[in-house]
Amino acid sequence: MALLLMCNPDRVLGEGVRDFCDGWLLGPADTAVILAAGPFTPPQGNGHLPESRCAQGWRWWAGAGQGVLFAMEELPQKFLETGLVHRGGRWPWSAACSWERLGNGLFVEDSATVRLRLGRTRQIGIRMRAQRWVVENTRIDAGLETALEGRLEFSLATDFRGELSLRLHPGPPVRWHRQRGRRTLAEMKIFHSASALAVRLDQRGDGAPVLAVEILVRLAAGLGMGFRADPETGSLAGSVVANVGGPWFRTSHLVHPALGVTHRFHLGAGDPAASTW
């Protein structure tokens, strides 16, 4: 059943929420800003990193996650990531890599992603993702996707901060599951006090635009709750995020009206504010 589901994307409207990181629009760096104790103070010119941390130069993070796509035991998700940021000097930069596996046994889809960024409030970067599709231990197909990224931070008011990200895809999508799959074109994030809003514009495989929305609210210092909506698939999700002076943790519980629930759990160490995802 799992193989039939993944090989017929036209019949599966949940295609756009299949990757592990689709469980969230706001990343660990975003949640670190919202969950911090005390009043909200928008960073000035160094991404999510406060000036005191930027002075130290080097920051790192690493994380691991797992989930089960649509509650199917045949479609487990595994995720590993690590990254390094250097904010000191004239040209701050960040580098990150991740590995993800969907499925096991009969059906396996592996992907490896590398991301590089350069700049402070204005950033440019490149994202490369290699994927491989294996069925019954036989490689069926493989592909490489490349995207050019631009990111701009701006202030709306004393206690409002925004981020606009644009992504250009010079090459075609991978062939085997992107007919209804989606690639990100633009993303807007707005931060205020103890809350954040993210709106993402994707392009579906047939060229149609698709929107996704997420809201995150701080409940207490180090603890927050989020709500994720994907109107095209009709999927809704609740999430819990925690970051209390050490490792950080977040969950996603995405409910598709026809295919069921996808539970995801993500645990990280290091400085979540340095994360580039």
Protein backbone atom coordinates (compact mmCIF):
# COMPACT_ATOMS: atom_id res chain seq x y z
CA MET A 1 0.00 0.00 0.00
CA ALA A 2 2.82 2.38 0.86
CA LEU A 3 4.52 1.76 -2.49
CA LEU A 4 1.26 2.35 -4.35
CA LEU A 5 0.72 5.55 -2.39
CA MET A 6 4.15 7.00 -3.14
CA CYS A 7 4.26 5.96 -6.80
CA ASN A 8 0.94 7.62 -7.65
CA PRO A 9 1.33 11.22 -6.47
CA ASP A 10 -1.70 12.37 -8.52
CA ARG A 11 -3.84 10.34 -6.13
CA VAL A 12 -2.11 11.64 -3.02
CA LEU A 13 -2.87 15.26 -2.18
CA GLY A 14 -0.62 14.95 0.87
CA GLU A 15 2.44 14.98 -1.40
CA GLY A 16 3.35 18.52 -0.37
CA VAL A 17 3.75 17.64 3.31
CA ARG A 18 5.84 14.49 2.96
CA ASP A 19 9.32 15.74 3.92
CA PHE A 20 10.37 15.76 7.57
CA CYS A 21 10.78 19.56 7.80
CA ASP A 22 7.30 20.09 6.29
CA GLY A 23 5.99 19.71 9.83
CA TRP A 24 7.05 23.31 10.58
CA LEU A 25 7.50 26.62 8.80
CA LEU A 26 9.25 28.31 11.73
CA GLY A 27 12.65 26.73 12.38
CA PRO A 28 14.67 26.30 15.59
CA ALA A 29 16.28 29.73 15.13
CA ASP A 30 12.83 31.33 14.94
CA THR A 31 11.53 29.55 18.02
CA ALA A 32 14.67 30.49 19.98
CA VAL A 33 13.77 34.17 19.53
CA ILE A 34 10.18 33.68 20.65
CA LEU A 35 10.88 31.38 23.61
CA ALA A 36 13.62 33.55 25.14
CA ALA A 37 12.76 34.90 28.59
CA GLY A 38 12.28 38.62 29.06
CA PRO A 39 11.06 41.32 26.68
CA PHE A 40 11.33 40.91 22.93
CA THR A 41 14.36 42.70 21.46
CA PRO A 42 14.75 42.35 17.70
CA PRO A 43 18.33 41.55 16.65
CA GLN A 44 20.21 44.27 14.82
CA GLY A 45 22.01 43.15 11.71
CA ASN A 46 23.09 39.63 12.65
CA GLY A 47 20.18 37.35 11.94
CA HIS A 48 18.80 35.67 15.03
CA LEU A 49 22.02 35.95 17.02
CA PRO A 50 22.16 38.68 19.70
CA GLU A 51 25.22 40.94 19.64
CA SER A 52 26.72 39.30 22.74
CA ARG A 53 26.78 35.93 21.00
CA CYS A 54 27.97 37.34 17.70
CA ALA A 55 31.04 38.72 19.43
CA GLN A 56 32.08 35.15 20.22
CA GLY A 57 32.20 34.37 16.50
CA TRP A 58 31.66 30.63 16.12
CA ARG A 59 28.37 28.85 16.89
CA TRP A 60 27.19 25.33 16.09
CA TRP A 61 24.16 23.09 16.34
CA ALA A 62 23.14 19.50 15.61
CA GLY A 63 19.84 17.69 15.63
CA ALA A 64 18.02 14.41 14.98
CA GLY A 65 14.41 13.62 14.26
CA GLN A 66 12.01 10.85 13.44
CA GLY A 67 8.42 10.44 12.37
CA VAL A 68 5.94 8.18 10.60
CA LEU A 69 4.33 9.51 7.43
CA PHE A 70 0.54 9.20 7.58
CA ALA A 71 0.88 6.72 10.49
CA MET A 72 2.11 4.02 8.08
CA GLU A 73 4.72 1.71 9.59
CA GLU A 74 6.14 1.19 6.09
CA LEU A 75 6.96 4.92 5.82
CA PRO A 76 9.11 5.91 8.81
CA GLN A 77 11.06 9.16 8.63
CA LYS A 78 14.62 9.67 9.91
CA PHE A 79 16.45 13.00 9.95
CA LEU A 80 19.96 14.15 10.93
CA GLU A 81 21.46 17.65 10.66
CA THR A 82 24.42 19.73 11.73
CA GLY A 83 25.68 23.22 11.03
CA LEU A 84 28.25 25.89 11.79
CA VAL A 85 27.95 29.69 11.85
CA HIS A 86 30.63 32.37 12.00
CA ARG A 87 29.21 35.82 12.73
CA GLY A 88 32.45 37.64 13.49
CA GLY A 89 34.37 39.66 10.92
CA ARG A 90 33.21 41.50 7.86
CA TRP A 91 31.62 38.56 6.03
CA PRO A 92 29.55 36.34 8.35
CA TRP A 93 28.61 32.96 6.91
CA SER A 94 26.77 29.78 7.78
CA ALA A 95 26.95 26.21 6.49
CA ALA A 96 24.62 23.29 7.21
CA CYS A 97 24.00 19.76 5.98
CA SER A 98 21.28 17.21 6.62
CA TRP A 99 20.30 13.66 5.70
CA GLU A 100 16.76 12.29 5.53
CA ARG A 101 15.31 8.86 4.84
CA LEU A 102 11.70 8.02 4.07
CA GLY A 103 10.59 4.38 4.15
CA ASN A 104 12.44 1.10 4.75
CA GLY A 105 12.57 -2.36 3.24
CA LEU A 106 10.49 -2.30 0.06
CA PHE A 107 10.57 1.47 -0.51
CA VAL A 108 13.41 3.84 0.47
CA GLU A 109 13.92 7.47 -0.47
CA ASP A 110 17.17 9.13 0.68
CA SER A 111 18.01 12.81 0.43
CA ALA A 112 21.09 14.80 1.41
CA THR A 113 21.00 18.60 1.59
CA VAL A 114 23.80 21.18 1.82
CA ARG A 115 23.12 24.87 2.43
CA LEU A 116 25.55 27.81 2.40
CA ARG A 117 24.72 31.43 3.31
CA LEU A 118 26.68 34.68 3.34
CA GLY A 119 25.73 38.05 4.85
CA ARG A 120 23.98 39.72 7.80
CA THR A 121 20.64 41.48 7.32
CA ARG A 122 20.97 40.86 3.57
CA GLN A 123 21.96 37.29 2.82
CA ILE A 124 22.56 35.26 -0.29
CA GLY A 125 22.96 31.51 -0.43
CA ILE A 126 22.75 28.25 -2.30
CA ARG A 127 20.91 25.07 -1.42
CA MET A 128 21.68 21.71 -3.07
CA ARG A 129 19.64 18.58 -2.49
CA ALA A 130 20.53 15.13 -3.87
CA GLN A 131 17.87 12.40 -3.78
CA ARG A 132 17.77 8.67 -4.51
CA TRP A 133 14.78 6.35 -4.90
CA VAL A 134 15.26 2.62 -4.17
CA VAL A 135 12.65 -0.13 -4.51
CA GLU A 136 13.46 -3.69 -3.39
CA ASN A 137 17.17 -2.79 -3.07
CA THR A 138 17.27 -1.59 -6.68
CA ARG A 139 17.93 2.05 -7.49
CA ILE A 140 15.07 3.31 -9.61
CA ASP A 141 16.10 6.92 -10.03
CA ALA A 142 18.20 9.74 -8.59
CA GLY A 143 18.26 13.49 -8.96
CA LEU A 144 19.82 16.76 -7.85
CA GLU A 145 17.93 19.99 -7.11
CA THR A 146 19.65 23.34 -6.72
CA ALA A 147 18.15 26.59 -5.43
CA LEU A 148 19.54 30.11 -5.09
CA GLU A 149 18.33 31.96 -2.01
CA GLY A 150 18.03 35.57 -0.94
CA ARG A 151 17.03 36.72 2.55
CA LEU A 152 16.29 40.20 3.90
CA GLU A 153 15.63 41.28 7.50
CA PHE A 154 13.71 44.46 8.20
CA SER A 155 12.08 46.34 11.10
CA LEU A 156 8.41 47.28 10.97
CA ALA A 157 8.28 49.07 14.34
CA THR A 158 10.07 49.08 17.69
CA ASP A 159 8.74 45.64 18.64
CA PHE A 160 8.11 44.21 15.16
CA ARG A 161 10.66 42.47 12.97
CA GLY A 162 10.24 40.78 9.64
CA GLU A 163 12.10 38.45 7.28
CA LEU A 164 11.54 37.94 3.57
CA SER A 165 13.13 34.98 1.79
CA LEU A 166 13.08 34.30 -1.95
CA ARG A 167 14.21 31.13 -3.69
CA LEU A 168 15.03 30.60 -7.36
CA HIS A 169 15.11 27.09 -8.85
CA PRO A 170 17.18 27.10 -12.06
CA GLY A 171 16.70 23.38 -12.75
CA PRO A 172 13.72 21.00 -13.01
CA PRO A 173 12.40 19.13 -9.95
CA VAL A 174 13.22 15.48 -9.35
CA ARG A 175 11.05 13.27 -11.52
CA TRP A 176 9.49 10.56 -9.44
CA HIS A 177 7.35 12.38 -6.89
CA ARG A 178 7.19 16.09 -7.74
CA GLN A 179 4.29 16.00 -10.19
CA ARG A 180 2.10 17.18 -7.31
CA GLY A 181 5.03 17.96 -5.06
CA ARG A 182 6.00 21.52 -4.23
CA ARG A 183 9.05 23.75 -4.17
CA THR A 184 9.30 26.91 -2.08
CA LEU A 185 9.32 30.25 -3.91
CA ALA A 186 9.00 32.80 -1.09
CA GLU A 187 8.52 33.01 2.66
CA MET A 188 7.55 35.85 4.98
CA LYS A 189 8.01 35.78 8.77
CA ILE A 190 6.79 38.40 11.23
CA PHE A 191 7.98 38.45 14.87
CA HIS A 192 6.26 40.40 17.65
CA SER A 193 6.68 40.10 21.40
CA ALA A 194 5.92 36.46 22.29
CA SER A 195 4.54 35.34 18.93
CA ALA A 196 5.48 34.77 15.30
CA LEU A 197 3.66 34.30 12.01
CA ALA A 198 5.06 32.55 8.93
CA VAL A 199 3.48 32.47 5.46
CA ARG A 200 5.08 30.42 2.69
CA LEU A 201 4.38 30.48 -1.05
CA ASP A 202 5.13 27.22 -2.86
CA GLN A 203 4.79 26.22 -6.49
CA ARG A 204 3.09 22.91 -7.18
CA GLY A 205 4.41 20.53 -9.81
CA ASP A 206 1.79 21.74 -12.30
CA GLY A 207 2.79 25.37 -11.73
CA ALA A 208 -0.09 26.39 -9.46
CA PRO A 209 0.73 28.58 -6.40
CA VAL A 210 0.10 27.11 -2.94
CA LEU A 211 0.12 28.87 0.45
CA ALA A 212 0.96 27.48 3.91
CA VAL A 213 0.68 29.24 7.29
CA GLU A 214 2.07 28.73 10.80
CA ILE A 215 1.59 30.64 14.06
CA LEU A 216 3.78 30.21 17.16
CA VAL A 217 2.97 31.61 20.62
CA ARG A 218 5.15 31.57 23.74
CA LEU A 219 3.30 30.09 26.73
CA ALA A 220 6.15 30.59 29.21
CA ALA A 221 9.90 31.12 29.09
CA GLY A 222 11.26 28.21 27.08
CA LEU A 223 7.86 26.74 26.15
CA GLY A 224 5.60 27.47 23.20
CA MET A 225 2.76 26.09 21.11
CA GLY A 226 2.23 26.34 17.36
CA PHE A 227 -0.53 25.88 14.80
CA ARG A 228 0.17 24.89 11.18
CA ALA A 229 -2.30 24.98 8.27
CA ASP A 230 -1.89 23.68 4.73
CA PRO A 231 -5.03 24.79 2.83
CA GLU A 232 -4.32 22.88 -0.41
CA THR A 233 -4.22 19.48 1.27
CA GLY A 234 -6.63 20.42 4.06
CA SER A 235 -3.98 19.43 6.61
CA LEU A 236 -3.84 20.98 10.09
CA ALA A 237 -1.17 20.55 12.75
CA GLY A 238 -0.45 21.37 16.34
CA SER A 239 3.09 21.56 17.69
CA VAL A 240 4.92 21.94 20.99
CA VAL A 241 8.37 23.54 21.21
CA ALA A 242 10.68 23.70 24.24
CA ASN A 243 14.08 25.26 24.88
CA VAL A 244 15.13 25.53 28.52
CA GLY A 245 18.82 26.35 28.86
CA GLY A 246 20.16 23.39 26.93
CA PRO A 247 18.80 20.89 24.39
CA TRP A 248 15.77 22.02 22.42
CA PHE A 249 12.81 19.91 21.38
CA ARG A 250 9.80 20.27 19.11
CA THR A 251 6.94 18.12 17.84
CA SER A 252 4.57 18.26 14.89
CA HIS A 253 1.27 16.39 14.57
CA LEU A 254 -0.02 17.02 11.04
CA VAL A 255 -3.51 15.67 10.33
CA HIS A 256 -4.45 15.00 6.69
CA PRO A 257 -8.24 14.60 6.21
CA ALA A 258 -7.89 11.47 4.05
CA LEU A 259 -4.48 9.98 4.83
CA GLY A 260 -4.29 10.34 8.60
CA VAL A 261 -1.81 11.76 11.09
CA THR A 262 1.93 12.32 10.64
CA HIS A 263 3.77 12.58 13.97
CA ARG A 264 7.26 14.12 13.96
CA PHE A 265 9.75 14.64 16.82
CA HIS A 266 12.88 16.78 16.54
CA LEU A 267 15.64 17.02 19.21
CA GLY A 268 18.65 19.32 18.97
CA ALA A 269 21.74 20.47 20.84
CA GLY A 270 24.03 23.47 20.58
CA ASP A 271 22.74 26.96 19.81
CA PRO A 272 19.31 26.81 18.12
CA ALA A 273 19.61 30.51 17.26
CA ALA A 274 22.42 29.61 14.85
CA SER A 275 20.30 27.18 12.80
CA THR A 276 19.91 28.12 9.13
CA TRP A 277 16.90 25.87 8.37
